[in-house]
Amino acid sequence: MRLLHSHVRIICLAVACTTLLNTSSAQQAKDEQPVRDYFKFDEIPAYFPWSDVMARLDNVAIRFKNAPADQNLYLIAYAGSRACIGEADRLNRRAKTYLVTTRGISSTRVVLMDGGYLSKPTLDVWILPSYLSPSAMPNLDRRLMRVRNCGKRAPKHRRA
């Protein structure tokens, strides 16, 4: 009987040690796995004041400067339901110009995309490796949109 108890204790001790070793090796393997930063970083409403948009882009720039060199910054601009011609392109160019000139992001690492139309004008910001590309997800059909020409009109010449 005494021999049986000693074998049970040894077996329990061996199981406990094995469990501890497996737990620590699993934790170590978890710590060694590379962190994948493939994500949509921000969704910036473009109808915010430009100062608020710049503050959000500052956060993007800080995060992107710490990103690996093989990653790109994808800006997907969506025009609103009451859109002007070229609204998404203007939003994209303005955001890229701010990131490149003010925040020092390399222009070759910023990719612009026209996302189509959403109910509100929006700028999606993705940080992805260069071999991946996000897909735009518009929720309004272009055929149902009434795009306006909001550009400045040439002044009419008056006769004297």
N, C-alpha and C. Protein backbone atom coordinates (compact mmCIF):
# COMPACT_ATOMS: atom_id res chain seq x y z
N MET A 1 0.83 -1.19 0.00
CA MET A 1 0.00 0.00 0.00
C MET A 1 0.87 1.25 0.00
N ARG A 2 1.93 1.21 0.81
CA ARG A 2 2.83 2.33 0.89
C ARG A 2 3.52 2.56 -0.46
N LEU A 3 3.84 1.51 -1.16
CA LEU A 3 4.48 1.60 -2.47
C LEU A 3 3.51 2.22 -3.49
N LEU A 4 2.25 1.89 -3.40
CA LEU A 4 1.24 2.43 -4.30
C LEU A 4 1.10 3.94 -4.10
N HIS A 5 1.09 4.41 -2.83
CA HIS A 5 0.99 5.85 -2.54
C HIS A 5 2.20 6.61 -3.07
N SER A 6 3.38 6.02 -2.95
CA SER A 6 4.57 6.71 -3.44
C SER A 6 4.54 6.81 -4.97
N HIS A 7 4.03 5.77 -5.66
CA HIS A 7 3.92 5.83 -7.11
C HIS A 7 2.89 6.88 -7.54
N VAL A 8 1.79 6.97 -6.80
CA VAL A 8 0.77 7.97 -7.11
C VAL A 8 1.34 9.37 -6.93
N ARG A 9 2.11 9.60 -5.86
CA ARG A 9 2.73 10.90 -5.63
C ARG A 9 3.71 11.25 -6.74
N ILE A 10 4.49 10.29 -7.17
CA ILE A 10 5.47 10.53 -8.23
C ILE A 10 4.75 10.86 -9.54
N ILE A 11 3.69 10.13 -9.82
CA ILE A 11 2.93 10.38 -11.05
C ILE A 11 2.29 11.76 -11.01
N CYS A 12 1.71 12.12 -9.88
CA CYS A 12 1.10 13.45 -9.73
C CYS A 12 2.15 14.55 -9.89
N LEU A 13 3.31 14.35 -9.28
CA LEU A 13 4.40 15.32 -9.39
C LEU A 13 4.87 15.44 -10.85
N ALA A 14 4.97 14.31 -11.54
CA ALA A 14 5.39 14.33 -12.94
C ALA A 14 4.36 15.05 -13.81
N VAL A 15 3.07 14.83 -13.57
CA VAL A 15 2.02 15.50 -14.33
C VAL A 15 2.05 17.00 -14.07
N ALA A 16 2.24 17.39 -12.82
CA ALA A 16 2.30 18.82 -12.48
C ALA A 16 3.49 19.49 -13.15
N CYS A 17 4.64 18.86 -13.13
CA CYS A 17 5.84 19.42 -13.77
C CYS A 17 5.65 19.55 -15.28
N THR A 18 5.07 18.51 -15.88
CA THR A 18 4.83 18.54 -17.33
C THR A 18 3.87 19.66 -17.68
N THR A 19 2.84 19.84 -16.89
CA THR A 19 1.87 20.91 -17.14
C THR A 19 2.53 22.27 -17.05
N LEU A 20 3.35 22.48 -16.02
CA LEU A 20 4.06 23.75 -15.87
C LEU A 20 5.01 24.00 -17.04
N LEU A 21 5.73 22.98 -17.46
CA LEU A 21 6.65 23.15 -18.59
C LEU A 21 5.91 23.46 -19.88
N ASN A 22 4.80 22.78 -20.13
CA ASN A 22 4.02 23.04 -21.34
C ASN A 22 3.42 24.44 -21.33
N THR A 23 2.97 24.89 -20.18
CA THR A 23 2.40 26.22 -20.06
C THR A 23 3.46 27.28 -20.34
N SER A 24 4.64 27.13 -19.76
CA SER A 24 5.68 28.13 -19.97
C SER A 24 6.19 28.11 -21.41
N SER A 25 6.29 26.92 -22.03
CA SER A 25 6.75 26.86 -23.42
C SER A 25 5.68 27.42 -24.36
N ALA A 26 4.41 27.21 -24.04
CA ALA A 26 3.33 27.78 -24.86
C ALA A 26 3.34 29.30 -24.75
N GLN A 27 3.56 29.81 -23.55
CA GLN A 27 3.63 31.26 -23.36
C GLN A 27 4.82 31.83 -24.11
N GLN A 28 5.96 31.12 -24.07
CA GLN A 28 7.16 31.58 -24.76
C GLN A 28 6.93 31.57 -26.27
N ALA A 29 6.27 30.55 -26.78
CA ALA A 29 5.97 30.49 -28.21
C ALA A 29 5.01 31.61 -28.61
N LYS A 30 4.06 31.93 -27.73
CA LYS A 30 3.12 33.00 -27.98
C LYS A 30 3.85 34.34 -28.03
N ASP A 31 4.82 34.53 -27.13
CA ASP A 31 5.59 35.77 -27.10
C ASP A 31 6.48 35.92 -28.32
N GLU A 32 6.94 34.82 -28.91
CA GLU A 32 7.85 34.87 -30.03
C GLU A 32 7.14 35.07 -31.37
N GLN A 33 5.82 34.87 -31.42
CA GLN A 33 5.10 35.03 -32.68
C GLN A 33 5.09 36.50 -33.08
N PRO A 34 5.33 36.78 -34.36
CA PRO A 34 5.32 38.18 -34.80
C PRO A 34 3.91 38.76 -34.71
N VAL A 35 3.84 40.01 -34.37
CA VAL A 35 2.55 40.70 -34.28
C VAL A 35 2.15 41.15 -35.67
N ARG A 36 0.97 40.80 -36.06
CA ARG A 36 0.47 41.19 -37.38
C ARG A 36 -0.35 42.47 -37.21
N ASP A 37 0.08 43.53 -37.86
CA ASP A 37 -0.61 44.80 -37.78
C ASP A 37 -1.38 45.07 -39.07
N TYR A 38 -2.26 44.18 -39.45
CA TYR A 38 -3.06 44.35 -40.64
C TYR A 38 -4.45 44.78 -40.17
N PHE A 39 -4.72 46.06 -40.25
CA PHE A 39 -5.99 46.50 -39.71
C PHE A 39 -6.41 47.85 -40.28
N LYS A 40 -7.69 48.11 -40.16
CA LYS A 40 -8.21 49.43 -40.48
C LYS A 40 -7.90 50.31 -39.29
N PHE A 41 -7.07 51.30 -39.49
CA PHE A 41 -6.61 52.11 -38.37
C PHE A 41 -7.66 53.11 -37.92
N ASP A 42 -8.32 53.77 -38.86
CA ASP A 42 -9.28 54.80 -38.46
C ASP A 42 -10.31 55.00 -39.55
N GLU A 43 -11.44 55.53 -39.16
CA GLU A 43 -12.50 55.94 -40.07
C GLU A 43 -12.83 57.38 -39.70
N ILE A 44 -12.37 58.30 -40.52
CA ILE A 44 -12.46 59.72 -40.19
C ILE A 44 -13.63 60.34 -40.94
N PRO A 45 -14.62 60.86 -40.22
CA PRO A 45 -15.71 61.57 -40.89
C PRO A 45 -15.17 62.85 -41.52
N ALA A 46 -15.35 63.00 -42.82
CA ALA A 46 -14.78 64.15 -43.53
C ALA A 46 -15.60 65.42 -43.32
N TYR A 47 -16.78 65.32 -42.71
CA TYR A 47 -17.58 66.50 -42.45
C TYR A 47 -17.16 67.18 -41.14
N PHE A 48 -16.20 66.60 -40.43
CA PHE A 48 -15.63 67.24 -39.25
C PHE A 48 -14.85 68.47 -39.69
N PRO A 49 -14.62 69.42 -38.79
CA PRO A 49 -13.73 70.53 -39.13
C PRO A 49 -12.33 69.99 -39.48
N TRP A 50 -11.63 70.67 -40.40
CA TRP A 50 -10.34 70.18 -40.86
C TRP A 50 -9.36 70.04 -39.71
N SER A 51 -9.45 70.87 -38.68
CA SER A 51 -8.54 70.76 -37.54
C SER A 51 -8.72 69.42 -36.82
N ASP A 52 -9.95 68.93 -36.76
CA ASP A 52 -10.20 67.62 -36.14
C ASP A 52 -9.66 66.49 -37.03
N VAL A 53 -9.83 66.65 -38.34
CA VAL A 53 -9.31 65.65 -39.27
C VAL A 53 -7.79 65.61 -39.17
N MET A 54 -7.14 66.78 -39.07
CA MET A 54 -5.68 66.83 -38.94
C MET A 54 -5.22 66.14 -37.65
N ALA A 55 -5.96 66.33 -36.57
CA ALA A 55 -5.59 65.67 -35.31
C ALA A 55 -5.66 64.15 -35.46
N ARG A 56 -6.68 63.66 -36.15
CA ARG A 56 -6.78 62.22 -36.37
C ARG A 56 -5.67 61.74 -37.29
N LEU A 57 -5.31 62.54 -38.30
CA LEU A 57 -4.22 62.18 -39.20
C LEU A 57 -2.87 62.21 -38.47
N ASP A 58 -2.74 63.07 -37.46
CA ASP A 58 -1.53 63.07 -36.63
C ASP A 58 -1.36 61.72 -35.94
N ASN A 59 -2.45 61.18 -35.41
CA ASN A 59 -2.40 59.86 -34.77
C ASN A 59 -2.01 58.78 -35.78
N VAL A 60 -2.53 58.91 -36.99
CA VAL A 60 -2.18 57.96 -38.05
C VAL A 60 -0.68 58.04 -38.33
N ALA A 61 -0.16 59.26 -38.45
CA ALA A 61 1.26 59.45 -38.78
C ALA A 61 2.16 58.89 -37.68
N ILE A 62 1.81 59.10 -36.43
CA ILE A 62 2.61 58.58 -35.32
C ILE A 62 2.65 57.06 -35.37
N ARG A 63 1.51 56.44 -35.59
CA ARG A 63 1.45 54.98 -35.66
C ARG A 63 2.19 54.45 -36.88
N PHE A 64 2.04 55.15 -38.02
CA PHE A 64 2.63 54.67 -39.26
C PHE A 64 4.15 54.81 -39.26
N LYS A 65 4.67 55.80 -38.58
CA LYS A 65 6.13 55.96 -38.52
C LYS A 65 6.78 54.80 -37.79
N ASN A 66 6.05 54.15 -36.90
CA ASN A 66 6.56 52.99 -36.17
C ASN A 66 6.29 51.68 -36.90
N ALA A 67 5.61 51.74 -38.03
CA ALA A 67 5.27 50.52 -38.78
C ALA A 67 6.49 50.04 -39.56
N PRO A 68 6.56 48.73 -39.83
CA PRO A 68 7.66 48.20 -40.64
C PRO A 68 7.70 48.84 -42.02
N ALA A 69 8.86 48.83 -42.65
CA ALA A 69 9.05 49.49 -43.94
C ALA A 69 8.27 48.84 -45.07
N ASP A 70 7.84 47.58 -44.90
CA ASP A 70 7.10 46.91 -45.98
C ASP A 70 5.60 47.23 -45.94
N GLN A 71 5.17 48.09 -45.02
CA GLN A 71 3.76 48.41 -44.93
C GLN A 71 3.46 49.74 -45.60
N ASN A 72 2.25 49.84 -46.16
CA ASN A 72 1.78 51.05 -46.80
C ASN A 72 0.58 51.60 -46.06
N LEU A 73 0.34 52.87 -46.28
CA LEU A 73 -0.81 53.55 -45.70
C LEU A 73 -1.82 53.74 -46.82
N TYR A 74 -2.99 53.16 -46.68
CA TYR A 74 -4.03 53.24 -47.70
C TYR A 74 -5.10 54.22 -47.22
N LEU A 75 -5.38 55.23 -48.04
CA LEU A 75 -6.43 56.20 -47.75
C LEU A 75 -7.55 55.96 -48.75
N ILE A 76 -8.73 55.60 -48.24
CA ILE A 76 -9.89 55.38 -49.10
C ILE A 76 -10.89 56.48 -48.79
N ALA A 77 -11.13 57.34 -49.77
CA ALA A 77 -12.06 58.45 -49.58
C ALA A 77 -13.41 58.10 -50.20
N TYR A 78 -14.47 58.40 -49.45
CA TYR A 78 -15.84 58.20 -49.90
C TYR A 78 -16.52 59.56 -49.98
N ALA A 79 -17.20 59.82 -51.08
CA ALA A 79 -17.99 61.04 -51.20
C ALA A 79 -19.31 60.82 -50.46
N GLY A 80 -19.92 61.90 -50.05
CA GLY A 80 -21.20 61.81 -49.35
C GLY A 80 -22.37 61.67 -50.31
N SER A 81 -23.56 61.57 -49.76
CA SER A 81 -24.75 61.38 -50.59
C SER A 81 -25.08 62.63 -51.40
N ARG A 82 -24.67 63.78 -50.92
CA ARG A 82 -24.82 65.03 -51.68
C ARG A 82 -23.42 65.46 -52.09
N ALA A 83 -22.89 64.81 -53.08
CA ALA A 83 -21.49 64.98 -53.44
C ALA A 83 -21.31 65.99 -54.55
N CYS A 84 -20.14 66.60 -54.51
CA CYS A 84 -19.68 67.44 -55.61
C CYS A 84 -18.74 66.60 -56.47
N ILE A 85 -18.58 66.99 -57.71
CA ILE A 85 -17.67 66.29 -58.60
C ILE A 85 -16.26 66.33 -58.02
N GLY A 86 -15.61 65.18 -57.91
CA GLY A 86 -14.23 65.11 -57.42
C GLY A 86 -14.07 65.27 -55.91
N GLU A 87 -15.14 65.14 -55.15
CA GLU A 87 -15.08 65.34 -53.70
C GLU A 87 -14.14 64.33 -53.02
N ALA A 88 -14.24 63.08 -53.39
CA ALA A 88 -13.39 62.05 -52.77
C ALA A 88 -11.93 62.27 -53.14
N ASP A 89 -11.67 62.63 -54.39
CA ASP A 89 -10.29 62.88 -54.81
C ASP A 89 -9.68 64.06 -54.06
N ARG A 90 -10.45 65.12 -53.88
CA ARG A 90 -9.94 66.29 -53.13
C ARG A 90 -9.62 65.92 -51.69
N LEU A 91 -10.50 65.13 -51.08
CA LEU A 91 -10.26 64.71 -49.69
C LEU A 91 -8.99 63.87 -49.60
N ASN A 92 -8.82 62.94 -50.52
CA ASN A 92 -7.63 62.10 -50.54
C ASN A 92 -6.36 62.93 -50.72
N ARG A 93 -6.37 63.82 -51.70
CA ARG A 93 -5.17 64.64 -51.96
C ARG A 93 -4.84 65.54 -50.79
N ARG A 94 -5.86 66.10 -50.16
CA ARG A 94 -5.62 66.98 -49.01
C ARG A 94 -5.01 66.20 -47.84
N ALA A 95 -5.54 65.01 -47.57
CA ALA A 95 -5.01 64.20 -46.48
C ALA A 95 -3.58 63.75 -46.78
N LYS A 96 -3.32 63.32 -48.02
CA LYS A 96 -1.97 62.88 -48.37
C LYS A 96 -0.99 64.04 -48.29
N THR A 97 -1.37 65.20 -48.80
CA THR A 97 -0.49 66.37 -48.74
C THR A 97 -0.16 66.72 -47.30
N TYR A 98 -1.14 66.65 -46.42
CA TYR A 98 -0.88 66.94 -45.01
C TYR A 98 0.09 65.92 -44.41
N LEU A 99 -0.14 64.64 -44.68
CA LEU A 99 0.73 63.60 -44.12
C LEU A 99 2.16 63.70 -44.65
N VAL A 100 2.30 64.03 -45.92
CA VAL A 100 3.63 64.07 -46.54
C VAL A 100 4.38 65.34 -46.15
N THR A 101 3.73 66.50 -46.29
CA THR A 101 4.44 67.77 -46.05
C THR A 101 4.57 68.10 -44.58
N THR A 102 3.54 67.89 -43.80
CA THR A 102 3.57 68.29 -42.39
C THR A 102 4.12 67.21 -41.48
N ARG A 103 3.74 65.97 -41.74
CA ARG A 103 4.12 64.88 -40.83
C ARG A 103 5.30 64.06 -41.32
N GLY A 104 5.80 64.30 -42.52
CA GLY A 104 7.02 63.64 -42.99
C GLY A 104 6.88 62.20 -43.44
N ILE A 105 5.69 61.78 -43.83
CA ILE A 105 5.48 60.42 -44.33
C ILE A 105 5.95 60.38 -45.79
N SER A 106 6.60 59.32 -46.18
CA SER A 106 7.06 59.16 -47.56
C SER A 106 5.86 59.03 -48.49
N SER A 107 5.85 59.82 -49.56
CA SER A 107 4.70 59.80 -50.47
C SER A 107 4.56 58.47 -51.21
N THR A 108 5.66 57.73 -51.33
CA THR A 108 5.58 56.44 -52.02
C THR A 108 4.88 55.38 -51.18
N ARG A 109 4.76 55.62 -49.88
CA ARG A 109 4.11 54.65 -49.00
C ARG A 109 2.65 54.98 -48.73
N VAL A 110 2.14 56.05 -49.35
CA VAL A 110 0.73 56.45 -49.18
C VAL A 110 0.00 56.15 -50.48
N VAL A 111 -1.00 55.29 -50.41
CA VAL A 111 -1.77 54.87 -51.58
C VAL A 111 -3.18 55.44 -51.45
N LEU A 112 -3.63 56.13 -52.51
CA LEU A 112 -4.96 56.74 -52.51
C LEU A 112 -5.93 55.87 -53.30
N MET A 113 -7.16 55.76 -52.77
CA MET A 113 -8.21 55.00 -53.45
C MET A 113 -9.52 55.76 -53.35
N ASP A 114 -10.31 55.72 -54.42
CA ASP A 114 -11.64 56.31 -54.42
C ASP A 114 -12.61 55.20 -54.04
N GLY A 115 -13.32 55.38 -52.93
CA GLY A 115 -14.19 54.33 -52.42
C GLY A 115 -15.60 54.36 -52.95
N GLY A 116 -15.98 55.43 -53.63
CA GLY A 116 -17.35 55.53 -54.10
C GLY A 116 -18.15 56.45 -53.20
N TYR A 117 -19.35 56.01 -52.81
CA TYR A 117 -20.26 56.88 -52.06
C TYR A 117 -20.76 56.20 -50.79
N LEU A 118 -20.74 56.94 -49.71
CA LEU A 118 -21.38 56.55 -48.45
C LEU A 118 -22.41 57.62 -48.10
N SER A 119 -23.19 57.39 -47.07
CA SER A 119 -24.19 58.38 -46.70
C SER A 119 -23.53 59.68 -46.24
N LYS A 120 -22.36 59.62 -45.64
CA LYS A 120 -21.59 60.80 -45.21
C LYS A 120 -20.19 60.69 -45.79
N PRO A 121 -19.56 61.83 -46.13
CA PRO A 121 -18.18 61.75 -46.63
C PRO A 121 -17.25 61.22 -45.54
N THR A 122 -16.41 60.27 -45.91
CA THR A 122 -15.58 59.56 -44.94
C THR A 122 -14.22 59.26 -45.55
N LEU A 123 -13.21 59.21 -44.68
CA LEU A 123 -11.87 58.82 -45.08
C LEU A 123 -11.46 57.61 -44.24
N ASP A 124 -11.31 56.45 -44.90
CA ASP A 124 -10.85 55.24 -44.21
C ASP A 124 -9.34 55.17 -44.30
N VAL A 125 -8.70 54.80 -43.19
CA VAL A 125 -7.25 54.71 -43.14
C VAL A 125 -6.88 53.27 -42.78
N TRP A 126 -6.13 52.62 -43.66
CA TRP A 126 -5.67 51.25 -43.47
C TRP A 126 -4.16 51.22 -43.43
N ILE A 127 -3.59 50.40 -42.57
CA ILE A 127 -2.16 50.14 -42.55
C ILE A 127 -1.98 48.66 -42.87
N LEU A 128 -1.42 48.39 -44.06
CA LEU A 128 -1.31 47.02 -44.56
C LEU A 128 0.04 46.80 -45.21
N PRO A 129 0.49 45.55 -45.28
CA PRO A 129 1.70 45.27 -46.05
C PRO A 129 1.49 45.63 -47.52
N SER A 130 2.58 45.88 -48.21
CA SER A 130 2.47 46.34 -49.60
C SER A 130 1.86 45.30 -50.53
N TYR A 131 1.88 44.03 -50.15
CA TYR A 131 1.30 43.00 -51.02
C TYR A 131 -0.20 42.81 -50.79
N LEU A 132 -0.78 43.51 -49.83
CA LEU A 132 -2.22 43.46 -49.59
C LEU A 132 -2.84 44.80 -49.97
N SER A 133 -4.12 44.76 -50.28
CA SER A 133 -4.83 45.99 -50.61
C SER A 133 -6.25 45.89 -50.05
N PRO A 134 -6.72 46.94 -49.37
CA PRO A 134 -8.09 46.89 -48.85
C PRO A 134 -9.08 47.08 -49.99
N SER A 135 -10.29 46.67 -49.76
CA SER A 135 -11.33 46.87 -50.78
C SER A 135 -12.31 47.92 -50.28
N ALA A 136 -12.73 48.77 -51.18
CA ALA A 136 -13.70 49.80 -50.84
C ALA A 136 -15.07 49.17 -50.69
N MET A 137 -15.87 49.71 -49.79
CA MET A 137 -17.20 49.17 -49.56
C MET A 137 -18.24 50.28 -49.57
N PRO A 138 -18.56 50.83 -50.76
CA PRO A 138 -19.57 51.88 -50.82
C PRO A 138 -20.95 51.31 -50.49
N ASN A 139 -21.82 52.16 -49.92
CA ASN A 139 -23.16 51.65 -49.60
C ASN A 139 -24.25 52.38 -50.38
N LEU A 140 -23.85 53.28 -51.29
CA LEU A 140 -24.82 53.97 -52.13
C LEU A 140 -24.52 53.67 -53.60
N ASP A 141 -25.57 53.43 -54.36
CA ASP A 141 -25.42 53.12 -55.78
C ASP A 141 -25.16 54.41 -56.55
N ARG A 142 -24.15 54.40 -57.40
CA ARG A 142 -23.77 55.58 -58.18
C ARG A 142 -24.92 56.05 -59.07
N ARG A 143 -25.71 55.12 -59.56
CA ARG A 143 -26.82 55.49 -60.45
C ARG A 143 -27.89 56.31 -59.74
N LEU A 144 -27.97 56.17 -58.42
CA LEU A 144 -28.98 56.91 -57.66
C LEU A 144 -28.46 58.26 -57.16
N MET A 145 -27.20 58.53 -57.38
CA MET A 145 -26.58 59.76 -56.89
C MET A 145 -26.85 60.91 -57.85
N ARG A 146 -26.95 62.09 -57.28
CA ARG A 146 -27.03 63.30 -58.09
C ARG A 146 -25.79 64.12 -57.75
N VAL A 147 -24.77 63.92 -58.53
CA VAL A 147 -23.50 64.60 -58.30
C VAL A 147 -23.61 66.01 -58.88
N ARG A 148 -23.20 66.99 -58.06
CA ARG A 148 -23.31 68.39 -58.45
C ARG A 148 -21.95 68.93 -58.87
N ASN A 149 -21.98 69.94 -59.69
CA ASN A 149 -20.76 70.65 -60.03
C ASN A 149 -20.68 71.84 -59.08
N CYS A 150 -19.86 71.71 -58.06
CA CYS A 150 -19.76 72.74 -57.02
C CYS A 150 -18.62 73.71 -57.27
N GLY A 151 -17.94 73.57 -58.40
CA GLY A 151 -16.81 74.44 -58.69
C GLY A 151 -17.26 75.87 -58.91
N LYS A 152 -16.30 76.77 -58.86
CA LYS A 152 -16.61 78.18 -59.09
C LYS A 152 -16.98 78.37 -60.55
N ARG A 153 -18.00 79.12 -60.75
CA ARG A 153 -18.44 79.40 -62.11
C ARG A 153 -17.72 80.64 -62.61
N ALA A 154 -17.51 80.65 -63.90
CA ALA A 154 -16.87 81.81 -64.51
C ALA A 154 -17.84 83.01 -64.43
N PRO A 155 -17.33 84.15 -64.06
CA PRO A 155 -18.23 85.32 -63.95
C PRO A 155 -18.76 85.72 -65.33
N LYS A 156 -20.01 86.14 -65.31
CA LYS A 156 -20.62 86.58 -66.55
C LYS A 156 -20.13 88.00 -66.83
N HIS A 157 -19.81 88.25 -68.07
CA HIS A 157 -19.36 89.58 -68.45
C HIS A 157 -20.57 90.47 -68.66
N ARG A 158 -20.55 91.58 -68.00
CA ARG A 158 -21.67 92.53 -68.17
C ARG A 158 -21.32 93.55 -69.23
N ARG A 159 -22.32 93.94 -69.92
CA ARG A 159 -22.10 94.99 -70.90
C ARG A 159 -22.23 96.35 -70.22
N ALA A 160 -21.41 97.23 -70.64
CA ALA A 160 -21.43 98.56 -70.05
C ALA A 160 -22.47 99.45 -70.66
